[in-house]
Amino acid sequence: MAVCSVCGKGAHFGNNVSHSHRRSNKMWKANIKKVKIMENGTPKHAYVCAQCLKSGKVERA
């Protein structure tokens, strides 16, 4: 669910590194919103990242 339907941006993974350099897993989630968009002239619900909404890549219904 947490994947942008326009650009494909989703969660990505890495490590938390403490001051003593011990590592633990970390996950960064994309800022995904459920919005109503216009696709081929018809309104449709989709999951879109905030960056695509802000840049105007999607027309909201």
PDB file of N, CA and C in Angstrom:
ATOM      1  N   MET A   1       0.817  -1.187   0.000  1.00  0.00           N
ATOM      2  CA  MET A   1       0.000   0.000   0.000  1.00  0.00           C
ATOM      3  C   MET A   1       0.864   1.254   0.000  1.00  0.00           C
ATOM      4  N   ALA A   2       1.934   1.286   0.750  1.00  0.00           N
ATOM      5  CA  ALA A   2       2.709   2.513   0.916  1.00  0.00           C
ATOM      6  C   ALA A   2       3.683   2.732  -0.236  1.00  0.00           C
ATOM      7  N   VAL A   3       3.152   2.723  -1.460  1.00  0.00           N
ATOM      8  CA  VAL A   3       3.956   2.986  -2.660  1.00  0.00           C
ATOM      9  C   VAL A   3       3.193   3.987  -3.511  1.00  0.00           C
ATOM     10  N   CYS A   4       3.874   5.011  -3.999  1.00  0.00           N
ATOM     11  CA  CYS A   4       3.255   6.027  -4.848  1.00  0.00           C
ATOM     12  C   CYS A   4       2.875   5.406  -6.188  1.00  0.00           C
ATOM     13  N   SER A   5       1.642   5.644  -6.622  1.00  0.00           N
ATOM     14  CA  SER A   5       1.181   5.079  -7.892  1.00  0.00           C
ATOM     15  C   SER A   5       1.702   5.869  -9.088  1.00  0.00           C
ATOM     16  N   VAL A   6       2.308   7.042  -8.868  1.00  0.00           N
ATOM     17  CA  VAL A   6       2.835   7.860  -9.956  1.00  0.00           C
ATOM     18  C   VAL A   6       4.321   7.588 -10.179  1.00  0.00           C
ATOM     19  N   CYS A   7       5.123   7.744  -9.121  1.00  0.00           N
ATOM     20  CA  CYS A   7       6.573   7.626  -9.277  1.00  0.00           C
ATOM     21  C   CYS A   7       7.146   6.328  -8.722  1.00  0.00           C
ATOM     22  N   GLY A   8       6.358   5.569  -7.972  1.00  0.00           N
ATOM     23  CA  GLY A   8       6.830   4.300  -7.427  1.00  0.00           C
ATOM     24  C   GLY A   8       7.641   4.426  -6.157  1.00  0.00           C
ATOM     25  N   LYS A   9       7.672   5.615  -5.566  1.00  0.00           N
ATOM     26  CA  LYS A   9       8.427   5.812  -4.327  1.00  0.00           C
ATOM     27  C   LYS A   9       7.773   5.028  -3.195  1.00  0.00           C
ATOM     28  N   GLY A  10       8.601   4.337  -2.402  1.00  0.00           N
ATOM     29  CA  GLY A  10       8.092   3.566  -1.279  1.00  0.00           C
ATOM     30  C   GLY A  10       9.052   3.625  -0.106  1.00  0.00           C
ATOM     31  N   ALA A  11       8.940   2.652   0.762  1.00  0.00           N
ATOM     32  CA  ALA A  11       9.824   2.590   1.925  1.00  0.00           C
ATOM     33  C   ALA A  11      11.217   2.155   1.496  1.00  0.00           C
ATOM     34  N   HIS A  12      12.231   2.648   2.204  1.00  0.00           N
ATOM     35  CA  HIS A  12      13.587   2.161   1.987  1.00  0.00           C
ATOM     36  C   HIS A  12      14.240   1.923   3.342  1.00  0.00           C
ATOM     37  N   PHE A  13      15.297   1.147   3.323  1.00  0.00           N
ATOM     38  CA  PHE A  13      15.861   0.605   4.542  1.00  0.00           C
ATOM     39  C   PHE A  13      17.320   0.994   4.703  1.00  0.00           C
ATOM     40  N   GLY A  14      17.763   1.015   5.952  1.00  0.00           N
ATOM     41  CA  GLY A  14      19.148   1.313   6.251  1.00  0.00           C
ATOM     42  C   GLY A  14      19.447   0.939   7.688  1.00  0.00           C
ATOM     43  N   ASN A  15      20.424   1.584   8.279  1.00  0.00           N
ATOM     44  CA  ASN A  15      20.837   1.286   9.644  1.00  0.00           C
ATOM     45  C   ASN A  15      20.788   2.523  10.513  1.00  0.00           C
ATOM     46  N   ASN A  16      20.302   2.347  11.751  1.00  0.00           N
ATOM     47  CA  ASN A  16      20.539   3.328  12.801  1.00  0.00           C
ATOM     48  C   ASN A  16      21.926   3.046  13.330  1.00  0.00           C
ATOM     49  N   VAL A  17      22.766   4.054  13.444  1.00  0.00           N
ATOM     50  CA  VAL A  17      24.108   3.858  13.969  1.00  0.00           C
ATOM     51  C   VAL A  17      24.233   4.710  15.224  1.00  0.00           C
ATOM     52  N   SER A  18      24.450   4.049  16.355  1.00  0.00           N
ATOM     53  CA  SER A  18      24.553   4.756  17.630  1.00  0.00           C
ATOM     54  C   SER A  18      25.931   5.408  17.772  1.00  0.00           C
ATOM     55  N   HIS A  19      26.086   6.144  18.859  1.00  0.00           N
ATOM     56  CA  HIS A  19      27.367   6.797  19.121  1.00  0.00           C
ATOM     57  C   HIS A  19      28.492   5.768  19.287  1.00  0.00           C
ATOM     58  N   SER A  20      28.165   4.605  19.861  1.00  0.00           N
ATOM     59  CA  SER A  20      29.167   3.546  20.026  1.00  0.00           C
ATOM     60  C   SER A  20      29.290   2.685  18.761  1.00  0.00           C
ATOM     61  N   HIS A  21      28.614   3.106  17.711  1.00  0.00           N
ATOM     62  CA  HIS A  21      28.678   2.484  16.378  1.00  0.00           C
ATOM     63  C   HIS A  21      28.001   1.113  16.306  1.00  0.00           C
ATOM     64  N   ARG A  22      27.087   0.846  17.250  1.00  0.00           N
ATOM     65  CA  ARG A  22      26.262  -0.361  17.135  1.00  0.00           C
ATOM     66  C   ARG A  22      25.168  -0.068  16.124  1.00  0.00           C
ATOM     67  N   ARG A  23      24.824  -1.044  15.306  1.00  0.00           N
ATOM     68  CA  ARG A  23      23.859  -0.834  14.222  1.00  0.00           C
ATOM     69  C   ARG A  23      22.571  -1.598  14.479  1.00  0.00           C
ATOM     70  N   SER A  24      21.462  -0.955  14.172  1.00  0.00           N
ATOM     71  CA  SER A  24      20.160  -1.621  14.202  1.00  0.00           C
ATOM     72  C   SER A  24      19.400  -1.195  12.950  1.00  0.00           C
ATOM     73  N   ASN A  25      18.429  -1.985  12.570  1.00  0.00           N
ATOM     74  CA  ASN A  25      17.696  -1.727  11.327  1.00  0.00           C
ATOM     75  C   ASN A  25      16.783  -0.512  11.459  1.00  0.00           C
ATOM     76  N   LYS A  26      16.656   0.215  10.364  1.00  0.00           N
ATOM     77  CA  LYS A  26      15.789   1.391  10.325  1.00  0.00           C
ATOM     78  C   LYS A  26      15.030   1.391   9.012  1.00  0.00           C
ATOM     79  N   MET A  27      13.801   1.897   9.049  1.00  0.00           N
ATOM     80  CA  MET A  27      12.987   1.976   7.843  1.00  0.00           C
ATOM     81  C   MET A  27      12.473   3.407   7.689  1.00  0.00           C
ATOM     82  N   TRP A  28      12.643   3.981   6.513  1.00  0.00           N
ATOM     83  CA  TRP A  28      12.093   5.297   6.195  1.00  0.00           C
ATOM     84  C   TRP A  28      10.884   5.094   5.309  1.00  0.00           C
ATOM     85  N   LYS A  29       9.741   5.668   5.699  1.00  0.00           N
ATOM     86  CA  LYS A  29       8.521   5.544   4.909  1.00  0.00           C
ATOM     87  C   LYS A  29       8.302   6.820   4.108  1.00  0.00           C
ATOM     88  N   ALA A  30       7.833   6.664   2.886  1.00  0.00           N
ATOM     89  CA  ALA A  30       7.510   7.817   2.046  1.00  0.00           C
ATOM     90  C   ALA A  30       6.236   8.479   2.562  1.00  0.00           C
ATOM     91  N   ASN A  31       6.079   9.764   2.287  1.00  0.00           N
ATOM     92  CA  ASN A  31       4.906  10.527   2.712  1.00  0.00           C
ATOM     93  C   ASN A  31       3.793  10.274   1.697  1.00  0.00           C
ATOM     94  N   ILE A  32       3.039   9.189   1.905  1.00  0.00           N
ATOM     95  CA  ILE A  32       2.010   8.736   0.962  1.00  0.00           C
ATOM     96  C   ILE A  32       0.641   9.170   1.458  1.00  0.00           C
ATOM     97  N   LYS A  33      -0.163   9.736   0.550  1.00  0.00           N
ATOM     98  CA  LYS A  33      -1.521  10.172   0.866  1.00  0.00           C
ATOM     99  C   LYS A  33      -2.504   9.439  -0.046  1.00  0.00           C
ATOM    100  N   LYS A  34      -3.694   9.117   0.473  1.00  0.00           N
ATOM    101  CA  LYS A  34      -4.749   8.542  -0.359  1.00  0.00           C
ATOM    102  C   LYS A  34      -5.582   9.713  -0.871  1.00  0.00           C
ATOM    103  N   VAL A  35      -5.557   9.941  -2.181  1.00  0.00           N
ATOM    104  CA  VAL A  35      -6.247  11.079  -2.775  1.00  0.00           C
ATOM    105  C   VAL A  35      -7.104  10.609  -3.950  1.00  0.00           C
ATOM    106  N   LYS A  36      -8.035  11.463  -4.322  1.00  0.00           N
ATOM    107  CA  LYS A  36      -8.882  11.208  -5.489  1.00  0.00           C
ATOM    108  C   LYS A  36      -8.265  11.965  -6.664  1.00  0.00           C
ATOM    109  N   ILE A  37      -7.893  11.237  -7.712  1.00  0.00           N
ATOM    110  CA  ILE A  37      -7.232  11.846  -8.867  1.00  0.00           C
ATOM    111  C   ILE A  37      -8.065  11.614 -10.116  1.00  0.00           C
ATOM    112  N   MET A  38      -7.758  12.380 -11.148  1.00  0.00           N
ATOM    113  CA  MET A  38      -8.394  12.186 -12.449  1.00  0.00           C
ATOM    114  C   MET A  38      -7.452  11.355 -13.311  1.00  0.00           C
ATOM    115  N   GLU A  39      -7.923  10.205 -13.779  1.00  0.00           N
ATOM    116  CA  GLU A  39      -7.125   9.353 -14.656  1.00  0.00           C
ATOM    117  C   GLU A  39      -7.964   9.017 -15.882  1.00  0.00           C
ATOM    118  N   ASN A  40      -7.507   9.484 -17.038  1.00  0.00           N
ATOM    119  CA  ASN A  40      -8.223   9.306 -18.311  1.00  0.00           C
ATOM    120  C   ASN A  40      -9.645   9.859 -18.235  1.00  0.00           C
ATOM    121  N   GLY A  41      -9.813  10.988 -17.533  1.00  0.00           N
ATOM    122  CA  GLY A  41     -11.110  11.642 -17.456  1.00  0.00           C
ATOM    123  C   GLY A  41     -12.052  11.087 -16.411  1.00  0.00           C
ATOM    124  N   THR A  42     -11.653  10.066 -15.677  1.00  0.00           N
ATOM    125  CA  THR A  42     -12.516   9.491 -14.647  1.00  0.00           C
ATOM    126  C   THR A  42     -11.846   9.646 -13.279  1.00  0.00           C
ATOM    127  N   PRO A  43     -12.641   9.969 -12.248  1.00  0.00           N
ATOM    128  CA  PRO A  43     -12.064  10.083 -10.909  1.00  0.00           C
ATOM    129  C   PRO A  43     -11.729   8.701 -10.347  1.00  0.00           C
ATOM    130  N   LYS A  44     -10.619   8.641  -9.599  1.00  0.00           N
ATOM    131  CA  LYS A  44     -10.148   7.368  -9.070  1.00  0.00           C
ATOM    132  C   LYS A  44      -9.362   7.634  -7.790  1.00  0.00           C
ATOM    133  N   HIS A  45      -9.487   6.748  -6.799  1.00  0.00           N
ATOM    134  CA  HIS A  45      -8.681   6.844  -5.585  1.00  0.00           C
ATOM    135  C   HIS A  45      -7.322   6.216  -5.850  1.00  0.00           C
ATOM    136  N   ALA A  46      -6.268   6.874  -5.374  1.00  0.00           N
ATOM    137  CA  ALA A  46      -4.916   6.350  -5.553  1.00  0.00           C
ATOM    138  C   ALA A  46      -4.043   6.821  -4.397  1.00  0.00           C
ATOM    139  N   TYR A  47      -2.966   6.091  -4.169  1.00  0.00           N
ATOM    140  CA  TYR A  47      -1.967   6.478  -3.186  1.00  0.00           C
ATOM    141  C   TYR A  47      -0.865   7.241  -3.916  1.00  0.00           C
ATOM    142  N   VAL A  48      -0.663   8.500  -3.512  1.00  0.00           N
ATOM    143  CA  VAL A  48       0.285   9.384  -4.193  1.00  0.00           C
ATOM    144  C   VAL A  48       1.172  10.036  -3.142  1.00  0.00           C
ATOM    145  N   CYS A  49       2.472  10.144  -3.442  1.00  0.00           N
ATOM    146  CA  CYS A  49       3.383  10.790  -2.495  1.00  0.00           C
ATOM    147  C   CYS A  49       3.176  12.306  -2.536  1.00  0.00           C
ATOM    148  N   ALA A  50       3.560  12.960  -1.440  1.00  0.00           N
ATOM    149  CA  ALA A  50       3.361  14.399  -1.307  1.00  0.00           C
ATOM    150  C   ALA A  50       4.177  15.166  -2.344  1.00  0.00           C
ATOM    151  N   GLN A  51       5.318  14.621  -2.739  1.00  0.00           N
ATOM    152  CA  GLN A  51       6.163  15.306  -3.719  1.00  0.00           C
ATOM    153  C   GLN A  51       5.476  15.368  -5.084  1.00  0.00           C
ATOM    154  N   CYS A  52       4.792  14.278  -5.493  1.00  0.00           N
ATOM    155  CA  CYS A  52       4.067  14.274  -6.768  1.00  0.00           C
ATOM    156  C   CYS A  52       2.861  15.208  -6.715  1.00  0.00           C
ATOM    157  N   LEU A  53       2.186  15.279  -5.570  1.00  0.00           N
ATOM    158  CA  LEU A  53       1.061  16.202  -5.420  1.00  0.00           C
ATOM    159  C   LEU A  53       1.538  17.651  -5.511  1.00  0.00           C
ATOM    160  N   LYS A  54       2.642  17.943  -4.841  1.00  0.00           N
ATOM    161  CA  LYS A  54       3.153  19.308  -4.781  1.00  0.00           C
ATOM    162  C   LYS A  54       3.677  19.778  -6.133  1.00  0.00           C
ATOM    163  N   SER A  55       4.298  18.869  -6.899  1.00  0.00           N
ATOM    164  CA  SER A  55       4.904  19.251  -8.164  1.00  0.00           C
ATOM    165  C   SER A  55       3.887  19.332  -9.305  1.00  0.00           C
ATOM    166  N   GLY A  56       2.653  18.856  -9.074  1.00  0.00           N
ATOM    167  CA  GLY A  56       1.633  18.942 -10.107  1.00  0.00           C
ATOM    168  C   GLY A  56       1.661  17.792 -11.110  1.00  0.00           C
ATOM    169  N   LYS A  57       2.296  16.684 -10.758  1.00  0.00           N
ATOM    170  CA  LYS A  57       2.309  15.530 -11.651  1.00  0.00           C
ATOM    171  C   LYS A  57       0.960  14.842 -11.708  1.00  0.00           C
ATOM    172  N   VAL A  58       0.076  15.158 -10.748  1.00  0.00           N
ATOM    173  CA  VAL A  58      -1.236  14.525 -10.633  1.00  0.00           C
ATOM    174  C   VAL A  58      -2.300  15.598 -10.624  1.00  0.00           C
ATOM    175  N   GLU A  59      -3.399  15.343 -11.329  1.00  0.00           N
ATOM    176  CA  GLU A  59      -4.550  16.254 -11.290  1.00  0.00           C
ATOM    177  C   GLU A  59      -5.555  15.691 -10.316  1.00  0.00           C
ATOM    178  N   ARG A  60      -5.845  16.465  -9.271  1.00  0.00           N
ATOM    179  CA  ARG A  60      -6.808  16.013  -8.248  1.00  0.00           C
ATOM    180  C   ARG A  60      -8.233  16.185  -8.752  1.00  0.00           C
ATOM    181  N   ALA A  61      -9.092  15.273  -8.328  1.00  0.00           N
ATOM    182  CA  ALA A  61     -10.499  15.336  -8.730  1.00  0.00           C
ATOM    183  C   ALA A  61     -11.316  16.076  -7.692  1.00  0.00           C
TER     184      ALA A  61
END
